[in-house]
Amino acid sequence: MSKANLLSHRATVLRRAGAESIREVVFGVEDGVVQNATLIAGMVGASLSATVIVVAGVINAAAGVLSMSIGTYLSSKAERDVRLRAPAREGSITDPGPDDGTSPVRAATVMAAAYACGAVVPVLPFLSRTLSTWTALLATICLTLLTLFALGFGKAALSGQSRWRSGLEMLVLASVAGVLGYLIGVVGRAVFDVDF
């Protein structure tokens, strides 16, 4: 096989792998980054310390990786099983379709890795001993927005959609959760008179 053919074949394999995993990658990264950023924003709103924020962020990330990967495995397996066993109108087995080859284990692994990558982003600034809590929150917001925009931009690159529109859509929709998380923390602190 010539070098050009080999490169073309590798590009085709990578595109196919990307297309098969895009749902898990987008869902996992978006959910990981938004869920942890929202938790962290709420904890800053409640005036919790950076140490508590890091510990809670790591616990939340680990729990999310487990929950999302197990949920993806079970739902992918259920979807595959239903497609394979559902009777067609003629009484034969339904054609499982072109995406049936996606392994539930593979889908769960991709989801776990994607969620972990997303969930670690909001925690990173709080690992610095030199940043104040508010500066770390500002850095978290910037990293989160950048990650969300890049995720939307990359998704559109694979799907052939408008990259800027997709990046902004991901950024805006997911940002609402962060703002609400912060406000819940502020209200929770006031209502329960929490002081740490």
C-alpha atoms as a PDB file:
ATOM      1  CA  MET A   1       0.000   0.000   0.000  1.00  0.00           C
ATOM      2  CA  SER A   2       1.418   3.396  -0.980  1.00  0.00           C
ATOM      3  CA  LYS A   3       2.015   6.095   1.626  1.00  0.00           C
ATOM      4  CA  ALA A   4      -0.825   8.226   0.191  1.00  0.00           C
ATOM      5  CA  ASN A   5      -3.240   5.270   0.308  1.00  0.00           C
ATOM      6  CA  LEU A   6      -2.168   4.439   3.858  1.00  0.00           C
ATOM      7  CA  LEU A   7      -2.752   8.034   4.993  1.00  0.00           C
ATOM      8  CA  SER A   8      -6.132   8.091   3.250  1.00  0.00           C
ATOM      9  CA  HIS A   9      -7.097   4.801   4.915  1.00  0.00           C
ATOM     10  CA  ARG A  10      -6.044   6.087   8.356  1.00  0.00           C
ATOM     11  CA  ALA A  11      -8.044   9.287   7.822  1.00  0.00           C
ATOM     12  CA  THR A  12     -11.111   7.226   6.887  1.00  0.00           C
ATOM     13  CA  VAL A  13     -10.722   5.023   9.964  1.00  0.00           C
ATOM     14  CA  LEU A  14     -10.355   8.071  12.226  1.00  0.00           C
ATOM     15  CA  ARG A  15     -13.431   9.752  10.688  1.00  0.00           C
ATOM     16  CA  ARG A  16     -15.474   6.575  11.177  1.00  0.00           C
ATOM     17  CA  ALA A  17     -14.292   6.182  14.771  1.00  0.00           C
ATOM     18  CA  GLY A  18     -15.108   9.849  15.405  1.00  0.00           C
ATOM     19  CA  ALA A  19     -18.569   9.471  13.906  1.00  0.00           C
ATOM     20  CA  GLU A  20     -19.282   6.359  15.979  1.00  0.00           C
ATOM     21  CA  SER A  21     -18.149   8.014  19.216  1.00  0.00           C
ATOM     22  CA  ILE A  22     -19.285  11.612  18.730  1.00  0.00           C
ATOM     23  CA  ARG A  23     -22.408  11.177  20.869  1.00  0.00           C
ATOM     24  CA  GLU A  24     -20.406   9.896  23.839  1.00  0.00           C
ATOM     25  CA  VAL A  25     -17.622  12.464  23.406  1.00  0.00           C
ATOM     26  CA  VAL A  26     -19.964  15.467  23.187  1.00  0.00           C
ATOM     27  CA  PHE A  27     -22.260  14.238  25.950  1.00  0.00           C
ATOM     28  CA  GLY A  28     -19.408  13.178  28.232  1.00  0.00           C
ATOM     29  CA  VAL A  29     -17.213  16.273  27.922  1.00  0.00           C
ATOM     30  CA  GLU A  30     -20.164  18.682  28.065  1.00  0.00           C
ATOM     31  CA  ASP A  31     -21.738  16.972  31.058  1.00  0.00           C
ATOM     32  CA  GLY A  32     -18.445  16.622  32.909  1.00  0.00           C
ATOM     33  CA  VAL A  33     -17.346  20.217  32.449  1.00  0.00           C
ATOM     34  CA  VAL A  34     -20.791  21.748  33.067  1.00  0.00           C
ATOM     35  CA  GLN A  35     -21.657  19.596  36.062  1.00  0.00           C
ATOM     36  CA  ASN A  36     -18.367  20.245  37.841  1.00  0.00           C
ATOM     37  CA  ALA A  37     -18.258  23.930  36.878  1.00  0.00           C
ATOM     38  CA  THR A  38     -21.811  24.345  38.181  1.00  0.00           C
ATOM     39  CA  LEU A  39     -20.953  22.545  41.421  1.00  0.00           C
ATOM     40  CA  ILE A  40     -17.842  24.687  41.859  1.00  0.00           C
ATOM     41  CA  ALA A  41     -19.695  27.923  41.083  1.00  0.00           C
ATOM     42  CA  GLY A  42     -22.309  27.013  43.688  1.00  0.00           C
ATOM     43  CA  MET A  43     -19.626  26.196  46.238  1.00  0.00           C
ATOM     44  CA  VAL A  44     -17.889  29.521  45.621  1.00  0.00           C
ATOM     45  CA  GLY A  45     -21.290  31.216  45.941  1.00  0.00           C
ATOM     46  CA  ALA A  46     -21.639  29.499  49.324  1.00  0.00           C
ATOM     47  CA  SER A  47     -18.146  30.774  50.294  1.00  0.00           C
ATOM     48  CA  LEU A  48     -16.540  27.341  50.690  1.00  0.00           C
ATOM     49  CA  SER A  49     -12.761  26.992  50.817  1.00  0.00           C
ATOM     50  CA  ALA A  50     -10.604  25.976  47.839  1.00  0.00           C
ATOM     51  CA  THR A  51      -9.672  22.718  49.580  1.00  0.00           C
ATOM     52  CA  VAL A  52     -13.322  21.743  50.027  1.00  0.00           C
ATOM     53  CA  ILE A  53     -14.001  22.714  46.409  1.00  0.00           C
ATOM     54  CA  VAL A  54     -11.162  20.517  45.103  1.00  0.00           C
ATOM     55  CA  VAL A  55     -12.202  17.521  47.198  1.00  0.00           C
ATOM     56  CA  ALA A  56     -15.849  17.880  46.162  1.00  0.00           C
ATOM     57  CA  GLY A  57     -14.857  18.400  42.519  1.00  0.00           C
ATOM     58  CA  VAL A  58     -12.721  15.244  42.468  1.00  0.00           C
ATOM     59  CA  ILE A  59     -15.433  13.195  44.192  1.00  0.00           C
ATOM     60  CA  ASN A  60     -18.052  14.549  41.784  1.00  0.00           C
ATOM     61  CA  ALA A  61     -15.804  13.757  38.797  1.00  0.00           C
ATOM     62  CA  ALA A  62     -15.203  10.176  39.981  1.00  0.00           C
ATOM     63  CA  ALA A  63     -18.891   9.603  40.695  1.00  0.00           C
ATOM     64  CA  GLY A  64     -19.793  11.063  37.303  1.00  0.00           C
ATOM     65  CA  VAL A  65     -17.311   8.871  35.449  1.00  0.00           C
ATOM     66  CA  LEU A  66     -18.755   5.764  37.109  1.00  0.00           C
ATOM     67  CA  SER A  67     -22.381   6.786  36.695  1.00  0.00           C
ATOM     68  CA  MET A  68     -22.077   7.942  33.085  1.00  0.00           C
ATOM     69  CA  SER A  69     -20.011   4.976  31.914  1.00  0.00           C
ATOM     70  CA  ILE A  70     -22.298   2.424  33.584  1.00  0.00           C
ATOM     71  CA  GLY A  71     -25.375   4.227  32.246  1.00  0.00           C
ATOM     72  CA  THR A  72     -23.873   4.320  28.756  1.00  0.00           C
ATOM     73  CA  TYR A  73     -22.986   0.633  28.882  1.00  0.00           C
ATOM     74  CA  LEU A  74     -26.466  -0.388  30.033  1.00  0.00           C
ATOM     75  CA  SER A  75     -28.330   1.879  27.612  1.00  0.00           C
ATOM     76  CA  SER A  76     -26.125   0.918  24.641  1.00  0.00           C
ATOM     77  CA  LYS A  77     -26.566  -2.761  25.464  1.00  0.00           C
ATOM     78  CA  ALA A  78     -30.330  -2.344  25.821  1.00  0.00           C
ATOM     79  CA  GLU A  79     -30.549  -0.476  22.516  1.00  0.00           C
ATOM     80  CA  ARG A  80     -28.505  -3.144  20.757  1.00  0.00           C
ATOM     81  CA  ASP A  81     -30.531  -5.976  22.294  1.00  0.00           C
ATOM     82  CA  VAL A  82     -33.850  -4.382  21.321  1.00  0.00           C
ATOM     83  CA  ARG A  83     -32.671  -3.834  17.753  1.00  0.00           C
ATOM     84  CA  LEU A  84     -31.526  -7.434  17.463  1.00  0.00           C
ATOM     85  CA  ARG A  85     -34.664  -8.974  18.957  1.00  0.00           C
ATOM     86  CA  ALA A  86     -37.539  -6.719  17.947  1.00  0.00           C
ATOM     87  CA  PRO A  87     -39.782  -8.536  15.483  1.00  0.00           C
ATOM     88  CA  ALA A  88     -40.315  -6.847  12.142  1.00  0.00           C
ATOM     89  CA  ARG A  89     -43.804  -6.501  10.709  1.00  0.00           C
ATOM     90  CA  GLU A  90     -43.200  -9.595   8.613  1.00  0.00           C
ATOM     91  CA  GLY A  91     -42.182 -11.589  11.670  1.00  0.00           C
ATOM     92  CA  SER A  92     -38.441 -11.603  10.914  1.00  0.00           C
ATOM     93  CA  ILE A  93     -35.663 -10.116  12.975  1.00  0.00           C
ATOM     94  CA  THR A  94     -35.252  -6.374  12.534  1.00  0.00           C
ATOM     95  CA  ASP A  95     -32.162  -5.202  10.711  1.00  0.00           C
ATOM     96  CA  PRO A  96     -29.943  -3.862  13.484  1.00  0.00           C
ATOM     97  CA  GLY A  97     -28.745  -1.001  11.275  1.00  0.00           C
ATOM     98  CA  PRO A  98     -25.293   0.267  10.474  1.00  0.00           C
ATOM     99  CA  ASP A  99     -24.420   1.511  13.963  1.00  0.00           C
ATOM    100  CA  ASP A 100     -25.126  -1.784  15.711  1.00  0.00           C
ATOM    101  CA  GLY A 101     -21.437  -2.651  15.580  1.00  0.00           C
ATOM    102  CA  THR A 102     -20.715  -0.135  18.329  1.00  0.00           C
ATOM    103  CA  SER A 103     -19.790  -2.153  21.388  1.00  0.00           C
ATOM    104  CA  PRO A 104     -21.432  -1.159  24.681  1.00  0.00           C
ATOM    105  CA  VAL A 105     -18.010  -1.580  26.339  1.00  0.00           C
ATOM    106  CA  ARG A 106     -16.416   0.744  23.775  1.00  0.00           C
ATOM    107  CA  ALA A 107     -19.217   3.299  24.194  1.00  0.00           C
ATOM    108  CA  ALA A 108     -18.860   3.173  27.991  1.00  0.00           C
ATOM    109  CA  THR A 109     -15.079   3.561  27.786  1.00  0.00           C
ATOM    110  CA  VAL A 110     -15.357   6.561  25.481  1.00  0.00           C
ATOM    111  CA  MET A 111     -17.990   8.107  27.771  1.00  0.00           C
ATOM    112  CA  ALA A 112     -15.815   7.576  30.873  1.00  0.00           C
ATOM    113  CA  ALA A 113     -12.773   9.162  29.231  1.00  0.00           C
ATOM    114  CA  ALA A 114     -14.786  12.062  27.807  1.00  0.00           C
ATOM    115  CA  TYR A 115     -16.517  12.768  31.123  1.00  0.00           C
ATOM    116  CA  ALA A 116     -13.217  12.629  33.025  1.00  0.00           C
ATOM    117  CA  CYS A 117     -11.587  15.049  30.572  1.00  0.00           C
ATOM    118  CA  GLY A 118     -14.481  17.470  30.938  1.00  0.00           C
ATOM    119  CA  ALA A 119     -14.812  17.158  34.717  1.00  0.00           C
ATOM    120  CA  VAL A 120     -11.149  17.876  35.428  1.00  0.00           C
ATOM    121  CA  VAL A 121     -11.194  21.243  33.610  1.00  0.00           C
ATOM    122  CA  PRO A 122     -13.130  23.268  36.236  1.00  0.00           C
ATOM    123  CA  VAL A 123     -11.053  21.849  39.110  1.00  0.00           C
ATOM    124  CA  LEU A 124      -7.624  22.767  37.709  1.00  0.00           C
ATOM    125  CA  PRO A 125      -7.509  26.441  38.808  1.00  0.00           C
ATOM    126  CA  PHE A 126      -8.384  25.477  42.381  1.00  0.00           C
ATOM    127  CA  LEU A 127      -5.294  23.279  42.586  1.00  0.00           C
ATOM    128  CA  SER A 128      -3.127  26.407  42.523  1.00  0.00           C
ATOM    129  CA  ARG A 129      -2.114  27.574  45.976  1.00  0.00           C
ATOM    130  CA  THR A 130      -1.414  31.076  44.652  1.00  0.00           C
ATOM    131  CA  LEU A 131      -4.894  31.944  43.335  1.00  0.00           C
ATOM    132  CA  SER A 132      -7.652  33.330  45.524  1.00  0.00           C
ATOM    133  CA  THR A 133     -10.997  31.519  45.372  1.00  0.00           C
ATOM    134  CA  TRP A 134     -12.495  34.270  43.213  1.00  0.00           C
ATOM    135  CA  THR A 135      -9.514  34.310  40.831  1.00  0.00           C
ATOM    136  CA  ALA A 136      -9.711  30.519  40.575  1.00  0.00           C
ATOM    137  CA  LEU A 137     -13.437  30.805  39.816  1.00  0.00           C
ATOM    138  CA  LEU A 138     -12.719  33.338  37.076  1.00  0.00           C
ATOM    139  CA  ALA A 139     -10.092  30.995  35.622  1.00  0.00           C
ATOM    140  CA  THR A 140     -12.572  28.104  35.872  1.00  0.00           C
ATOM    141  CA  ILE A 141     -15.181  30.124  34.010  1.00  0.00           C
ATOM    142  CA  CYS A 142     -12.704  31.008  31.255  1.00  0.00           C
ATOM    143  CA  LEU A 143     -11.463  27.408  30.901  1.00  0.00           C
ATOM    144  CA  THR A 144     -15.024  26.074  30.938  1.00  0.00           C
ATOM    145  CA  LEU A 145     -16.213  28.511  28.266  1.00  0.00           C
ATOM    146  CA  LEU A 146     -13.173  27.785  26.124  1.00  0.00           C
ATOM    147  CA  THR A 147     -13.707  24.022  26.492  1.00  0.00           C
ATOM    148  CA  LEU A 148     -17.399  24.279  25.611  1.00  0.00           C
ATOM    149  CA  PHE A 149     -16.729  26.459  22.573  1.00  0.00           C
ATOM    150  CA  ALA A 150     -13.959  24.129  21.373  1.00  0.00           C
ATOM    151  CA  LEU A 151     -16.245  21.113  21.851  1.00  0.00           C
ATOM    152  CA  GLY A 152     -19.009  22.703  19.786  1.00  0.00           C
ATOM    153  CA  PHE A 153     -16.500  23.854  17.172  1.00  0.00           C
ATOM    154  CA  GLY A 154     -14.996  20.358  16.908  1.00  0.00           C
ATOM    155  CA  LYS A 155     -18.411  18.694  16.730  1.00  0.00           C
ATOM    156  CA  ALA A 156     -19.335  20.927  13.812  1.00  0.00           C
ATOM    157  CA  ALA A 157     -16.059  20.157  12.056  1.00  0.00           C
ATOM    158  CA  LEU A 158     -17.018  16.466  12.026  1.00  0.00           C
ATOM    159  CA  SER A 159     -20.647  17.057  11.068  1.00  0.00           C
ATOM    160  CA  GLY A 160     -20.066  19.726   8.433  1.00  0.00           C
ATOM    161  CA  GLN A 161     -22.159  22.325  10.274  1.00  0.00           C
ATOM    162  CA  SER A 162     -21.283  25.955  11.007  1.00  0.00           C
ATOM    163  CA  ARG A 163     -18.360  25.764  13.433  1.00  0.00           C
ATOM    164  CA  TRP A 164     -18.841  29.188  14.999  1.00  0.00           C
ATOM    165  CA  ARG A 165     -22.575  28.708  15.439  1.00  0.00           C
ATOM    166  CA  SER A 166     -22.096  25.283  17.013  1.00  0.00           C
ATOM    167  CA  GLY A 167     -19.377  26.597  19.325  1.00  0.00           C
ATOM    168  CA  LEU A 168     -21.527  29.503  20.469  1.00  0.00           C
ATOM    169  CA  GLU A 169     -24.591  27.283  20.880  1.00  0.00           C
ATOM    170  CA  MET A 170     -22.692  24.893  23.150  1.00  0.00           C
ATOM    171  CA  LEU A 171     -21.176  27.796  25.081  1.00  0.00           C
ATOM    172  CA  VAL A 172     -24.455  29.672  25.674  1.00  0.00           C
ATOM    173  CA  LEU A 173     -26.694  26.718  26.514  1.00  0.00           C
ATOM    174  CA  ALA A 174     -24.235  25.148  28.920  1.00  0.00           C
ATOM    175  CA  SER A 175     -23.358  28.481  30.567  1.00  0.00           C
ATOM    176  CA  VAL A 176     -26.894  28.881  31.884  1.00  0.00           C
ATOM    177  CA  ALA A 177     -26.264  25.939  34.226  1.00  0.00           C
ATOM    178  CA  GLY A 178     -23.151  27.582  35.679  1.00  0.00           C
ATOM    179  CA  VAL A 179     -24.951  30.827  36.416  1.00  0.00           C
ATOM    180  CA  LEU A 180     -27.822  28.968  38.040  1.00  0.00           C
ATOM    181  CA  GLY A 181     -25.389  26.877  40.112  1.00  0.00           C
ATOM    182  CA  TYR A 182     -23.723  30.013  41.465  1.00  0.00           C
ATOM    183  CA  LEU A 183     -27.094  31.605  42.307  1.00  0.00           C
ATOM    184  CA  ILE A 184     -28.240  28.449  44.087  1.00  0.00           C
ATOM    185  CA  GLY A 185     -25.071  28.581  46.193  1.00  0.00           C
ATOM    186  CA  VAL A 186     -25.658  32.229  47.101  1.00  0.00           C
ATOM    187  CA  VAL A 187     -29.302  31.609  47.997  1.00  0.00           C
ATOM    188  CA  GLY A 188     -28.408  28.419  49.900  1.00  0.00           C
ATOM    189  CA  ARG A 189     -25.819  30.290  51.933  1.00  0.00           C
ATOM    190  CA  ALA A 190     -28.341  33.022  52.803  1.00  0.00           C
ATOM    191  CA  VAL A 191     -31.228  30.666  53.573  1.00  0.00           C
ATOM    192  CA  PHE A 192     -29.233  28.213  55.675  1.00  0.00           C
ATOM    193  CA  ASP A 193     -26.869  30.839  57.107  1.00  0.00           C
ATOM    194  CA  VAL A 194     -23.844  28.756  56.097  1.00  0.00           C
ATOM    195  CA  ASP A 195     -20.465  30.203  57.029  1.00  0.00           C
ATOM    196  CA  PHE A 196     -17.264  28.266  56.338  1.00  0.00           C
END
